PDB file of N, CA and C in Angstrom:
ATOM      1  N   MET A   1     -13.987   9.130  -5.087  1.00  0.00           N
ATOM      2  CA  MET A   1     -13.016   9.991  -5.324  1.00  0.00           C
ATOM      3  C   MET A   1     -11.825   9.251  -5.917  1.00  0.00           C
ATOM      4  N   LYS A   2     -11.163   9.938  -6.886  1.00  0.00           N
ATOM      5  CA  LYS A   2      -9.925   9.208  -7.456  1.00  0.00           C
ATOM      6  C   LYS A   2      -8.655  10.006  -6.940  1.00  0.00           C
ATOM      7  N   TYR A   3      -7.775   9.106  -6.499  1.00  0.00           N
ATOM      8  CA  TYR A   3      -6.506   9.593  -5.946  1.00  0.00           C
ATOM      9  C   TYR A   3      -5.391   9.118  -6.815  1.00  0.00           C
ATOM     10  N   GLN A   4      -4.316   9.946  -6.815  1.00  0.00           N
ATOM     11  CA  GLN A   4      -3.083   9.596  -7.484  1.00  0.00           C
ATOM     12  C   GLN A   4      -1.962   9.466  -6.520  1.00  0.00           C
ATOM     13  N   GLY A   5      -1.021   8.631  -6.790  1.00  0.00           N
ATOM     14  CA  GLY A   5       0.019   8.348  -5.869  1.00  0.00           C
ATOM     15  C   GLY A   5       1.268   7.907  -6.618  1.00  0.00           C
ATOM     16  N   SER A   6       2.335   7.838  -5.888  1.00  0.00           N
ATOM     17  CA  SER A   6       3.629   7.370  -6.498  1.00  0.00           C
ATOM     18  C   SER A   6       4.625   7.079  -5.390  1.00  0.00           C
ATOM     19  N   CYS A   7       5.704   6.468  -5.832  1.00  0.00           N
ATOM     20  CA  CYS A   7       6.863   6.343  -4.933  1.00  0.00           C
ATOM     21  C   CYS A   7       7.543   7.733  -5.029  1.00  0.00           C
ATOM     22  N   HIS A   8       8.664   7.865  -4.404  1.00  0.00           N
ATOM     23  CA  HIS A   8       9.364   9.176  -4.251  1.00  0.00           C
ATOM     24  C   HIS A   8       9.885   9.701  -5.579  1.00  0.00           C
ATOM     25  N   CYS A   9      10.419   8.835  -6.416  1.00  0.00           N
ATOM     26  CA  CYS A   9      11.092   9.294  -7.645  1.00  0.00           C
ATOM     27  C   CYS A   9      10.091   9.300  -8.873  1.00  0.00           C
ATOM     28  N   GLY A  10       8.833   8.734  -8.730  1.00  0.00           N
ATOM     29  CA  GLY A  10       7.940   8.689  -9.758  1.00  0.00           C
ATOM     30  C   GLY A  10       8.031   7.428 -10.658  1.00  0.00           C
ATOM     31  N   ASN A  11       9.007   6.464 -10.299  1.00  0.00           N
ATOM     32  CA  ASN A  11       9.098   5.368 -11.112  1.00  0.00           C
ATOM     33  C   ASN A  11       7.862   4.359 -11.095  1.00  0.00           C
ATOM     34  N   ILE A  12       7.158   4.506  -9.953  1.00  0.00           N
ATOM     35  CA  ILE A  12       5.877   3.754  -9.845  1.00  0.00           C
ATOM     36  C   ILE A  12       4.782   4.816  -9.604  1.00  0.00           C
ATOM     37  N   LYS A  13       3.778   4.783 -10.442  1.00  0.00           N
ATOM     38  CA  LYS A  13       2.653   5.701 -10.307  1.00  0.00           C
ATOM     39  C   LYS A  13       1.375   4.861 -10.416  1.00  0.00           C
ATOM     40  N   PHE A  14       0.274   5.319  -9.692  1.00  0.00           N
ATOM     41  CA  PHE A  14      -0.995   4.622  -9.670  1.00  0.00           C
ATOM     42  C   PHE A  14      -2.128   5.613  -9.523  1.00  0.00           C
ATOM     43  N   GLU A  15      -3.364   5.061  -9.758  1.00  0.00           N
ATOM     44  CA  GLU A  15      -4.532   5.831  -9.408  1.00  0.00           C
ATOM     45  C   GLU A  15      -5.360   4.798  -8.600  1.00  0.00           C
ATOM     46  N   ALA A  16      -6.080   5.256  -7.688  1.00  0.00           N
ATOM     47  CA  ALA A  16      -7.046   4.482  -6.860  1.00  0.00           C
ATOM     48  C   ALA A  16      -8.333   5.188  -6.629  1.00  0.00           C
ATOM     49  N   GLU A  17      -9.473   4.455  -6.818  1.00  0.00           N
ATOM     50  CA  GLU A  17     -10.771   5.096  -6.533  1.00  0.00           C
ATOM     51  C   GLU A  17     -11.397   4.551  -5.262  1.00  0.00           C
ATOM     52  N   GLY A  18     -12.019   5.473  -4.548  1.00  0.00           N
ATOM     53  CA  GLY A  18     -12.697   5.074  -3.337  1.00  0.00           C
ATOM     54  C   GLY A  18     -12.623   6.255  -2.365  1.00  0.00           C
ATOM     55  N   GLU A  19     -12.990   5.981  -1.135  1.00  0.00           N
ATOM     56  CA  GLU A  19     -12.995   6.943  -0.090  1.00  0.00           C
ATOM     57  C   GLU A  19     -12.022   6.551   0.965  1.00  0.00           C
ATOM     58  N   ILE A  20     -11.150   7.334   1.463  1.00  0.00           N
ATOM     59  CA  ILE A  20     -10.181   7.095   2.450  1.00  0.00           C
ATOM     60  C   ILE A  20     -10.918   7.531   3.799  1.00  0.00           C
ATOM     61  N   LYS A  21     -11.467   6.595   4.515  1.00  0.00           N
ATOM     62  CA  LYS A  21     -12.187   6.815   5.724  1.00  0.00           C
ATOM     63  C   LYS A  21     -11.179   6.588   6.872  1.00  0.00           C
ATOM     64  N   ASP A  22     -10.307   5.635   6.698  1.00  0.00           N
ATOM     65  CA  ASP A  22      -9.401   5.348   7.732  1.00  0.00           C
ATOM     66  C   ASP A  22      -8.069   4.656   7.178  1.00  0.00           C
ATOM     67  N   ALA A  23      -7.163   4.388   8.015  1.00  0.00           N
ATOM     68  CA  ALA A  23      -6.011   3.688   7.627  1.00  0.00           C
ATOM     69  C   ALA A  23      -5.594   2.709   8.682  1.00  0.00           C
ATOM     70  N   LEU A  24      -4.765   1.788   8.404  1.00  0.00           N
ATOM     71  CA  LEU A  24      -4.311   0.693   9.290  1.00  0.00           C
ATOM     72  C   LEU A  24      -2.815   0.940   9.466  1.00  0.00           C
ATOM     73  N   ALA A  25      -2.388   0.844  10.775  1.00  0.00           N
ATOM     74  CA  ALA A  25      -0.926   0.871  11.102  1.00  0.00           C
ATOM     75  C   ALA A  25      -0.735  -0.561  11.717  1.00  0.00           C
ATOM     76  N   CYS A  26       0.145  -1.315  11.079  1.00  0.00           N
ATOM     77  CA  CYS A  26       0.439  -2.700  11.513  1.00  0.00           C
ATOM     78  C   CYS A  26       1.838  -2.697  12.223  1.00  0.00           C
ATOM     79  N   ASN A  27       1.914  -3.499  13.207  1.00  0.00           N
ATOM     80  CA  ASN A  27       3.200  -3.547  13.947  1.00  0.00           C
ATOM     81  C   ASN A  27       3.911  -4.863  13.580  1.00  0.00           C
ATOM     82  N   CYS A  28       3.713  -5.432  12.493  1.00  0.00           N
ATOM     83  CA  CYS A  28       4.543  -6.580  12.050  1.00  0.00           C
ATOM     84  C   CYS A  28       5.999  -6.067  11.761  1.00  0.00           C
ATOM     85  N   SER A  29       6.837  -7.013  11.604  1.00  0.00           N
ATOM     86  CA  SER A  29       8.230  -6.635  11.404  1.00  0.00           C
ATOM     87  C   SER A  29       8.590  -5.681  10.287  1.00  0.00           C
ATOM     88  N   ILE A  30       7.884  -5.867   9.244  1.00  0.00           N
ATOM     89  CA  ILE A  30       8.121  -4.912   8.043  1.00  0.00           C
ATOM     90  C   ILE A  30       7.382  -3.615   8.100  1.00  0.00           C
ATOM     91  N   CYS A  31       6.065  -3.650   8.437  1.00  0.00           N
ATOM     92  CA  CYS A  31       5.274  -2.422   8.476  1.00  0.00           C
ATOM     93  C   CYS A  31       5.840  -1.424   9.585  1.00  0.00           C
ATOM     94  N   LEU A  32       6.130  -2.022  10.670  1.00  0.00           N
ATOM     95  CA  LEU A  32       6.650  -1.207  11.759  1.00  0.00           C
ATOM     96  C   LEU A  32       7.923  -0.477  11.333  1.00  0.00           C
ATOM     97  N   ARG A  33       8.783  -1.091  10.645  1.00  0.00           N
ATOM     98  CA  ARG A  33      10.026  -0.481  10.184  1.00  0.00           C
ATOM     99  C   ARG A  33       9.829   0.523   9.099  1.00  0.00           C
ATOM    100  N   LYS A  34       8.843   0.271   8.178  1.00  0.00           N
ATOM    101  CA  LYS A  34       8.542   1.117   7.065  1.00  0.00           C
ATOM    102  C   LYS A  34       7.731   2.296   7.441  1.00  0.00           C
ATOM    103  N   GLY A  35       6.873   2.159   8.455  1.00  0.00           N
ATOM    104  CA  GLY A  35       6.019   3.232   8.934  1.00  0.00           C
ATOM    105  C   GLY A  35       4.794   3.460   7.944  1.00  0.00           C
ATOM    106  N   THR A  36       4.418   2.359   7.271  1.00  0.00           N
ATOM    107  CA  THR A  36       3.241   2.590   6.313  1.00  0.00           C
ATOM    108  C   THR A  36       1.994   2.733   7.023  1.00  0.00           C
ATOM    109  N   LEU A  37       1.070   3.473   6.397  1.00  0.00           N
ATOM    110  CA  LEU A  37      -0.304   3.616   6.841  1.00  0.00           C
ATOM    111  C   LEU A  37      -1.136   3.104   5.738  1.00  0.00           C
ATOM    112  N   LEU A  38      -1.859   1.999   5.832  1.00  0.00           N
ATOM    113  CA  LEU A  38      -2.416   1.307   4.830  1.00  0.00           C
ATOM    114  C   LEU A  38      -3.913   1.560   4.617  1.00  0.00           C
ATOM    115  N   TRP A  39      -4.355   1.788   3.341  1.00  0.00           N
ATOM    116  CA  TRP A  39      -5.784   1.900   3.006  1.00  0.00           C
ATOM    117  C   TRP A  39      -5.977   0.731   2.046  1.00  0.00           C
ATOM    118  N   PHE A  40      -7.024  -0.144   2.352  1.00  0.00           N
ATOM    119  CA  PHE A  40      -7.262  -1.341   1.592  1.00  0.00           C
ATOM    120  C   PHE A  40      -8.289  -1.058   0.523  1.00  0.00           C
ATOM    121  N   VAL A  41      -7.952  -1.414  -0.691  1.00  0.00           N
ATOM    122  CA  VAL A  41      -8.742  -1.038  -1.866  1.00  0.00           C
ATOM    123  C   VAL A  41      -8.839  -2.294  -2.782  1.00  0.00           C
ATOM    124  N   PRO A  42     -10.025  -2.820  -3.267  1.00  0.00           N
ATOM    125  CA  PRO A  42     -10.129  -3.788  -4.228  1.00  0.00           C
ATOM    126  C   PRO A  42      -9.219  -3.517  -5.408  1.00  0.00           C
ATOM    127  N   ALA A  43      -8.599  -4.539  -5.857  1.00  0.00           N
ATOM    128  CA  ALA A  43      -7.675  -4.401  -7.049  1.00  0.00           C
ATOM    129  C   ALA A  43      -8.353  -3.781  -8.312  1.00  0.00           C
ATOM    130  N   THR A  44      -9.680  -4.053  -8.433  1.00  0.00           N
ATOM    131  CA  THR A  44     -10.419  -3.451  -9.525  1.00  0.00           C
ATOM    132  C   THR A  44     -10.544  -1.921  -9.550  1.00  0.00           C
ATOM    133  N   GLN A  45     -10.274  -1.312  -8.362  1.00  0.00           N
ATOM    134  CA  GLN A  45     -10.270   0.055  -8.232  1.00  0.00           C
ATOM    135  C   GLN A  45      -8.914   0.742  -8.280  1.00  0.00           C
ATOM    136  N   VAL A  46      -7.941   0.003  -8.630  1.00  0.00           N
ATOM    137  CA  VAL A  46      -6.542   0.551  -8.694  1.00  0.00           C
ATOM    138  C   VAL A  46      -6.011   0.378 -10.175  1.00  0.00           C
ATOM    139  N   THR A  47      -5.459   1.473 -10.675  1.00  0.00           N
ATOM    140  CA  THR A  47      -4.886   1.435 -12.076  1.00  0.00           C
ATOM    141  C   THR A  47      -3.412   1.771 -11.913  1.00  0.00           C
ATOM    142  N   LEU A  48      -2.546   0.854 -12.323  1.00  0.00           N
ATOM    143  CA  LEU A  48      -1.075   1.187 -12.442  1.00  0.00           C
ATOM    144  C   LEU A  48      -0.886   2.108 -13.635  1.00  0.00           C
ATOM    145  N   LEU A  49      -0.136   3.131 -13.431  1.00  0.00           N
ATOM    146  CA  LEU A  49       0.100   4.110 -14.529  1.00  0.00           C
ATOM    147  C   LEU A  49       1.503   3.913 -15.092  1.00  0.00           C
ATOM    148  N   THR A  50       2.245   3.004 -14.539  1.00  0.00           N
ATOM    149  CA  THR A  50       3.558   2.682 -15.011  1.00  0.00           C
ATOM    150  C   THR A  50       3.682   1.099 -15.116  1.00  0.00           C
ATOM    151  N   PRO A  51       4.622   0.637 -15.870  1.00  0.00           N
ATOM    152  CA  PRO A  51       4.705  -0.844 -16.160  1.00  0.00           C
ATOM    153  C   PRO A  51       5.114  -1.582 -14.837  1.00  0.00           C
ATOM    154  N   ARG A  52       4.548  -2.844 -14.806  1.00  0.00           N
ATOM    155  CA  ARG A  52       4.898  -3.674 -13.690  1.00  0.00           C
ATOM    156  C   ARG A  52       6.354  -3.924 -13.520  1.00  0.00           C
ATOM    157  N   GLU A  53       7.133  -3.828 -14.615  1.00  0.00           N
ATOM    158  CA  GLU A  53       8.506  -4.051 -14.591  1.00  0.00           C
ATOM    159  C   GLU A  53       9.235  -3.038 -13.724  1.00  0.00           C
ATOM    160  N   ASN A  54       8.568  -1.903 -13.337  1.00  0.00           N
ATOM    161  CA  ASN A  54       9.103  -0.922 -12.447  1.00  0.00           C
ATOM    162  C   ASN A  54       8.997  -1.295 -10.980  1.00  0.00           C
ATOM    163  N   ILE A  55       8.260  -2.331 -10.750  1.00  0.00           N
ATOM    164  CA  ILE A  55       7.980  -2.677  -9.322  1.00  0.00           C
ATOM    165  C   ILE A  55       8.848  -3.923  -8.890  1.00  0.00           C
ATOM    166  N   THR A  56       9.473  -3.752  -7.702  1.00  0.00           N
ATOM    167  CA  THR A  56      10.231  -4.782  -7.103  1.00  0.00           C
ATOM    168  C   THR A  56       9.389  -5.339  -5.982  1.00  0.00           C
ATOM    169  N   THR A  57       9.331  -6.658  -5.877  1.00  0.00           N
ATOM    170  CA  THR A  57       8.455  -7.403  -4.933  1.00  0.00           C
ATOM    171  C   THR A  57       9.296  -8.090  -3.895  1.00  0.00           C
ATOM    172  N   TYR A  58       8.854  -8.023  -2.652  1.00  0.00           N
ATOM    173  CA  TYR A  58       9.543  -8.712  -1.552  1.00  0.00           C
ATOM    174  C   TYR A  58       8.393  -9.535  -0.842  1.00  0.00           C
ATOM    175  N   THR A  59       8.702 -10.866  -0.596  1.00  0.00           N
ATOM    176  CA  THR A  59       7.735 -11.538   0.288  1.00  0.00           C
ATOM    177  C   THR A  59       8.531 -12.202   1.330  1.00  0.00           C
ATOM    178  N   PHE A  60       7.881 -12.513   2.491  1.00  0.00           N
ATOM    179  CA  PHE A  60       8.622 -13.267   3.546  1.00  0.00           C
ATOM    180  C   PHE A  60       7.522 -13.961   4.268  1.00  0.00           C
ATOM    181  N   ASN A  61       8.047 -14.767   5.330  1.00  0.00           N
ATOM    182  CA  ASN A  61       7.142 -15.528   6.204  1.00  0.00           C
ATOM    183  C   ASN A  61       6.274 -16.551   5.377  1.00  0.00           C
ATOM    184  N   LYS A  62       4.982 -16.311   5.241  1.00  0.00           N
ATOM    185  CA  LYS A  62       4.102 -17.198   4.544  1.00  0.00           C
ATOM    186  C   LYS A  62       4.041 -16.871   3.055  1.00  0.00           C
ATOM    187  N   HIS A  63       4.704 -15.824   2.634  1.00  0.00           N
ATOM    188  CA  HIS A  63       4.658 -15.477   1.155  1.00  0.00           C
ATOM    189  C   HIS A  63       3.352 -15.168   0.717  1.00  0.00           C
ATOM    190  N   ILE A  64       2.421 -14.643   1.489  1.00  0.00           N
ATOM    191  CA  ILE A  64       1.067 -14.378   1.021  1.00  0.00           C
ATOM    192  C   ILE A  64       0.889 -12.967   0.562  1.00  0.00           C
ATOM    193  N   ILE A  65       1.688 -12.003   1.066  1.00  0.00           N
ATOM    194  CA  ILE A  65       1.496 -10.609   0.825  1.00  0.00           C
ATOM    195  C   ILE A  65       2.799 -10.210  -0.069  1.00  0.00           C
ATOM    196  N   LYS A  66       2.538  -9.512  -1.134  1.00  0.00           N
ATOM    197  CA  LYS A  66       3.539  -8.963  -2.069  1.00  0.00           C
ATOM    198  C   LYS A  66       3.841  -7.579  -1.497  1.00  0.00           C
ATOM    199  N   HIS A  67       4.916  -7.384  -0.884  1.00  0.00           N
ATOM    200  CA  HIS A  67       5.332  -6.012  -0.409  1.00  0.00           C
ATOM    201  C   HIS A  67       6.094  -5.440  -1.660  1.00  0.00           C
ATOM    202  N   GLU A  68       5.544  -4.423  -2.279  1.00  0.00           N
ATOM    203  CA  GLU A  68       5.970  -3.929  -3.538  1.00  0.00           C
ATOM    204  C   GLU A  68       6.582  -2.509  -3.374  1.00  0.00           C
ATOM    205  N   PHE A  69       7.756  -2.344  -3.931  1.00  0.00           N
ATOM    206  CA  PHE A  69       8.436  -1.091  -3.713  1.00  0.00           C
ATOM    207  C   PHE A  69       9.242  -0.696  -5.008  1.00  0.00           C
ATOM    208  N   CYS A  70       9.702   0.521  -5.058  1.00  0.00           N
ATOM    209  CA  CYS A  70      10.601   0.991  -6.164  1.00  0.00           C
ATOM    210  C   CYS A  70      12.022   0.580  -5.963  1.00  0.00           C
ATOM    211  N   GLY A  71      12.636  -0.050  -6.958  1.00  0.00           N
ATOM    212  CA  GLY A  71      14.007  -0.415  -6.858  1.00  0.00           C
ATOM    213  C   GLY A  71      14.976   0.722  -7.084  1.00  0.00           C
ATOM    214  N   VAL A  72      14.420   1.908  -7.432  1.00  0.00           N
ATOM    215  CA  VAL A  72      15.196   3.128  -7.614  1.00  0.00           C
ATOM    216  C   VAL A  72      15.305   3.903  -6.299  1.00  0.00           C
ATOM    217  N   CYS A  73      14.098   4.318  -5.706  1.00  0.00           N
ATOM    218  CA  CYS A  73      14.156   5.143  -4.500  1.00  0.00           C
ATOM    219  C   CYS A  73      13.835   4.307  -3.228  1.00  0.00           C
ATOM    220  N   GLY A  74      13.317   3.091  -3.367  1.00  0.00           N
ATOM    221  CA  GLY A  74      13.042   2.254  -2.199  1.00  0.00           C
ATOM    222  C   GLY A  74      11.710   2.459  -1.541  1.00  0.00           C
ATOM    223  N   VAL A  75      10.927   3.439  -1.920  1.00  0.00           N
ATOM    224  CA  VAL A  75       9.619   3.663  -1.355  1.00  0.00           C
ATOM    225  C   VAL A  75       8.634   2.527  -1.689  1.00  0.00           C
ATOM    226  N   GLN A  76       7.818   2.222  -0.751  1.00  0.00           N
ATOM    227  CA  GLN A  76       6.801   1.188  -0.899  1.00  0.00           C
ATOM    228  C   GLN A  76       5.477   1.920  -1.002  1.00  0.00           C
ATOM    229  N   PRO A  77       4.882   2.111  -2.199  1.00  0.00           N
ATOM    230  CA  PRO A  77       3.563   2.843  -2.351  1.00  0.00           C
ATOM    231  C   PRO A  77       2.466   1.825  -2.032  1.00  0.00           C
ATOM    232  N   PHE A  78       2.639   0.513  -2.166  1.00  0.00           N
ATOM    233  CA  PHE A  78       1.446  -0.389  -1.913  1.00  0.00           C
ATOM    234  C   PHE A  78       2.072  -1.821  -1.760  1.00  0.00           C
ATOM    235  N   GLY A  79       1.123  -2.636  -1.416  1.00  0.00           N
ATOM    236  CA  GLY A  79       1.376  -4.054  -1.468  1.00  0.00           C
ATOM    237  C   GLY A  79       0.115  -4.735  -2.033  1.00  0.00           C
ATOM    238  N   GLU A  80       0.198  -6.059  -2.344  1.00  0.00           N
ATOM    239  CA  GLU A  80      -0.931  -6.726  -2.965  1.00  0.00           C
ATOM    240  C   GLU A  80      -1.071  -8.062  -2.217  1.00  0.00           C
ATOM    241  N   ALA A  81      -2.335  -8.434  -2.024  1.00  0.00           N
ATOM    242  CA  ALA A  81      -2.650  -9.751  -1.528  1.00  0.00           C
ATOM    243  C   ALA A  81      -4.185 -10.037  -1.836  1.00  0.00           C
ATOM    244  N   VAL A  82      -4.732 -10.902  -1.131  1.00  0.00           N
ATOM    245  CA  VAL A  82      -6.165 -11.171  -1.268  1.00  0.00           C
ATOM    246  C   VAL A  82      -6.935 -10.915   0.143  1.00  0.00           C
ATOM    247  N   ASP A  83      -8.022 -10.400   0.028  1.00  0.00           N
ATOM    248  CA  ASP A  83      -8.778 -10.177   1.267  1.00  0.00           C
ATOM    249  C   ASP A  83      -9.379 -11.535   1.864  1.00  0.00           C
ATOM    250  N   PRO A  84      -9.993 -11.444   3.029  1.00  0.00           N
ATOM    251  CA  PRO A  84     -10.453 -12.694   3.647  1.00  0.00           C
ATOM    252  C   PRO A  84     -11.446 -13.513   2.662  1.00  0.00           C
ATOM    253  N   ALA A  85     -12.138 -12.788   1.833  1.00  0.00           N
ATOM    254  CA  ALA A  85     -13.024 -13.552   0.893  1.00  0.00           C
ATOM    255  C   ALA A  85     -12.346 -13.939  -0.288  1.00  0.00           C
ATOM    256  N   GLY A  86     -11.099 -13.712  -0.537  1.00  0.00           N
ATOM    257  CA  GLY A  86     -10.292 -14.185  -1.595  1.00  0.00           C
ATOM    258  C   GLY A  86     -10.207 -13.252  -2.806  1.00  0.00           C
ATOM    259  N   ALA A  87     -10.731 -11.996  -2.557  1.00  0.00           N
ATOM    260  CA  ALA A  87     -10.621 -10.949  -3.657  1.00  0.00           C
ATOM    261  C   ALA A  87      -9.294 -10.241  -3.726  1.00  0.00           C
ATOM    262  N   PRO A  88      -8.746 -10.101  -4.901  1.00  0.00           N
ATOM    263  CA  PRO A  88      -7.427  -9.329  -4.955  1.00  0.00           C
ATOM    264  C   PRO A  88      -7.634  -7.996  -4.408  1.00  0.00           C
ATOM    265  N   THR A  89      -6.586  -7.569  -3.597  1.00  0.00           N
ATOM    266  CA  THR A  89      -6.722  -6.318  -2.887  1.00  0.00           C
ATOM    267  C   THR A  89      -5.290  -5.634  -2.890  1.00  0.00           C
ATOM    268  N   PHE A  90      -5.378  -4.325  -2.962  1.00  0.00           N
ATOM    269  CA  PHE A  90      -4.111  -3.489  -2.781  1.00  0.00           C
ATOM    270  C   PHE A  90      -4.244  -2.901  -1.417  1.00  0.00           C
ATOM    271  N   ALA A  91      -3.058  -2.842  -0.711  1.00  0.00           N
ATOM    272  CA  ALA A  91      -2.911  -2.137   0.556  1.00  0.00           C
ATOM    273  C   ALA A  91      -2.059  -0.972   0.171  1.00  0.00           C
ATOM    274  N   ILE A  92      -2.658   0.147  -0.027  1.00  0.00           N
ATOM    275  CA  ILE A  92      -2.067   1.387  -0.374  1.00  0.00           C
ATOM    276  C   ILE A  92      -1.498   2.156   0.719  1.00  0.00           C
ATOM    277  N   ASN A  93      -0.199   2.485   0.716  1.00  0.00           N
ATOM    278  CA  ASN A  93       0.359   3.420   1.678  1.00  0.00           C
ATOM    279  C   ASN A  93      -0.078   4.802   1.437  1.00  0.00           C
ATOM    280  N   ILE A  94      -1.005   5.274   2.336  1.00  0.00           N
ATOM    281  CA  ILE A  94      -1.587   6.517   2.081  1.00  0.00           C
ATOM    282  C   ILE A  94      -0.549   7.788   2.188  1.00  0.00           C
ATOM    283  N   ARG A  95       0.717   7.459   2.667  1.00  0.00           N
ATOM    284  CA  ARG A  95       1.707   8.425   2.769  1.00  0.00           C
ATOM    285  C   ARG A  95       2.250   8.773   1.265  1.00  0.00           C
ATOM    286  N   CYS A  96       1.854   7.865   0.366  1.00  0.00           N
ATOM    287  CA  CYS A  96       2.365   8.009  -1.081  1.00  0.00           C
ATOM    288  C   CYS A  96       1.285   8.655  -1.946  1.00  0.00           C
ATOM    289  N   ILE A  97       0.121   9.027  -1.318  1.00  0.00           N
ATOM    290  CA  ILE A  97      -0.948   9.636  -2.111  1.00  0.00           C
ATOM    291  C   ILE A  97      -0.847  11.077  -2.131  1.00  0.00           C
ATOM    292  N   GLU A  98      -1.035  11.726  -3.307  1.00  0.00           N
ATOM    293  CA  GLU A  98      -0.882  13.199  -3.513  1.00  0.00           C
ATOM    294  C   GLU A  98      -2.044  13.934  -2.806  1.00  0.00           C
ATOM    295  N   ASN A  99      -1.771  15.098  -2.320  1.00  0.00           N
ATOM    296  CA  ASN A  99      -2.770  16.057  -1.835  1.00  0.00           C
ATOM    297  C   ASN A  99      -3.685  15.558  -0.734  1.00  0.00           C
ATOM    298  N   ILE A 100      -3.146  14.659   0.077  1.00  0.00           N
ATOM    299  CA  ILE A 100      -3.891  14.373   1.347  1.00  0.00           C
ATOM    300  C   ILE A 100      -3.002  14.610   2.485  1.00  0.00           C
ATOM    301  N   ASP A 101      -3.454  14.756   3.650  1.00  0.00           N
ATOM    302  CA  ASP A 101      -2.780  14.868   4.874  1.00  0.00           C
ATOM    303  C   ASP A 101      -2.942  13.587   5.582  1.00  0.00           C
ATOM    304  N   PRO A 102      -1.948  12.657   5.556  1.00  0.00           N
ATOM    305  CA  PRO A 102      -2.065  11.365   6.204  1.00  0.00           C
ATOM    306  C   PRO A 102      -2.267  11.544   7.779  1.00  0.00           C
ATOM    307  N   LEU A 103      -1.837  12.581   8.266  1.00  0.00           N
ATOM    308  CA  LEU A 103      -2.155  12.809   9.794  1.00  0.00           C
ATOM    309  C   LEU A 103      -3.498  13.111  10.096  1.00  0.00           C
ATOM    310  N   ALA A 104      -4.337  13.512   9.107  1.00  0.00           N
ATOM    311  CA  ALA A 104      -5.695  13.855   9.291  1.00  0.00           C
ATOM    312  C   ALA A 104      -6.650  12.619   9.129  1.00  0.00           C
ATOM    313  N   VAL A 105      -6.060  11.477   8.823  1.00  0.00           N
ATOM    314  CA  VAL A 105      -6.843  10.206   8.534  1.00  0.00           C
ATOM    315  C   VAL A 105      -6.837   9.454   9.849  1.00  0.00           C
ATOM    316  N   PRO A 106      -7.957   8.972  10.323  1.00  0.00           N
ATOM    317  CA  PRO A 106      -8.067   8.126  11.489  1.00  0.00           C
ATOM    318  C   PRO A 106      -7.283   6.852  11.265  1.00  0.00           C
ATOM    319  N   VAL A 107      -6.455   6.496  12.279  1.00  0.00           N
ATOM    320  CA  VAL A 107      -5.567   5.304  12.139  1.00  0.00           C
ATOM    321  C   VAL A 107      -6.060   4.239  13.166  1.00  0.00           C
ATOM    322  N   HIS A 108      -6.285   2.975  12.621  1.00  0.00           N
ATOM    323  CA  HIS A 108      -6.547   1.848  13.460  1.00  0.00           C
ATOM    324  C   HIS A 108      -5.245   0.982  13.495  1.00  0.00           C
ATOM    325  N   HIS A 109      -4.919   0.535  14.727  1.00  0.00           N
ATOM    326  CA  HIS A 109      -3.724  -0.273  14.960  1.00  0.00           C
ATOM    327  C   HIS A 109      -4.068  -1.742  14.900  1.00  0.00           C
ATOM    328  N   TYR A 110      -3.286  -2.568  14.152  1.00  0.00           N
ATOM    329  CA  TYR A 110      -3.389  -3.892  14.033  1.00  0.00           C
ATOM    330  C   TYR A 110      -2.194  -4.640  14.512  1.00  0.00           C
ATOM    331  N   ASP A 111      -2.457  -5.665  15.350  1.00  0.00           N
ATOM    332  CA  ASP A 111      -1.344  -6.485  15.915  1.00  0.00           C
ATOM    333  C   ASP A 111      -0.875  -7.552  14.994  1.00  0.00           C
ATOM    334  N   GLY A 112      -0.162  -7.073  13.876  1.00  0.00           N
ATOM    335  CA  GLY A 112       0.361  -8.096  12.977  1.00  0.00           C
ATOM    336  C   GLY A 112       1.456  -8.865  13.555  1.00  0.00           C
ATOM    337  N   LYS A 113       2.117  -8.424  14.579  1.00  0.00           N
ATOM    338  CA  LYS A 113       3.274  -9.036  15.239  1.00  0.00           C
ATOM    339  C   LYS A 113       2.906 -10.417  15.862  1.00  0.00           C
ATOM    340  N   SER A 114       1.652 -10.471  16.321  1.00  0.00           N
ATOM    341  CA  SER A 114       1.134 -11.667  16.984  1.00  0.00           C
ATOM    342  C   SER A 114       0.430 -12.600  16.060  1.00  0.00           C
ATOM    343  N   HIS A 115       0.194 -12.250  14.768  1.00  0.00           N
ATOM    344  CA  HIS A 115      -0.509 -13.039  13.782  1.00  0.00           C
ATOM    345  C   HIS A 115       0.339 -13.719  12.861  1.00  0.00           C
TER     346      HIS A 115
END
């Protein structure tokens, strides 16, 4: 299935292909504050519909994950990193995907605070 998503103001838009079977809620210092529910998708299945110049990036701690957000409205539609096998991966905030009910998606909790 192909999903479309965006930040609040539409400055960042994207499409992602796959099946949303579940999402991850992380309790690390940034995810907990933002309230993101993350769906992990290989980068090859994500298409940015707006220029990269529209994306603001924040990194912290080990500077491994690019926490990407809109500099206009502040919403974080996704982040980028590599999976354990080294493949580029998007962590898409399912709260930014159109026409889905994020409350209907099973959520797994990850203890990012301890890692």
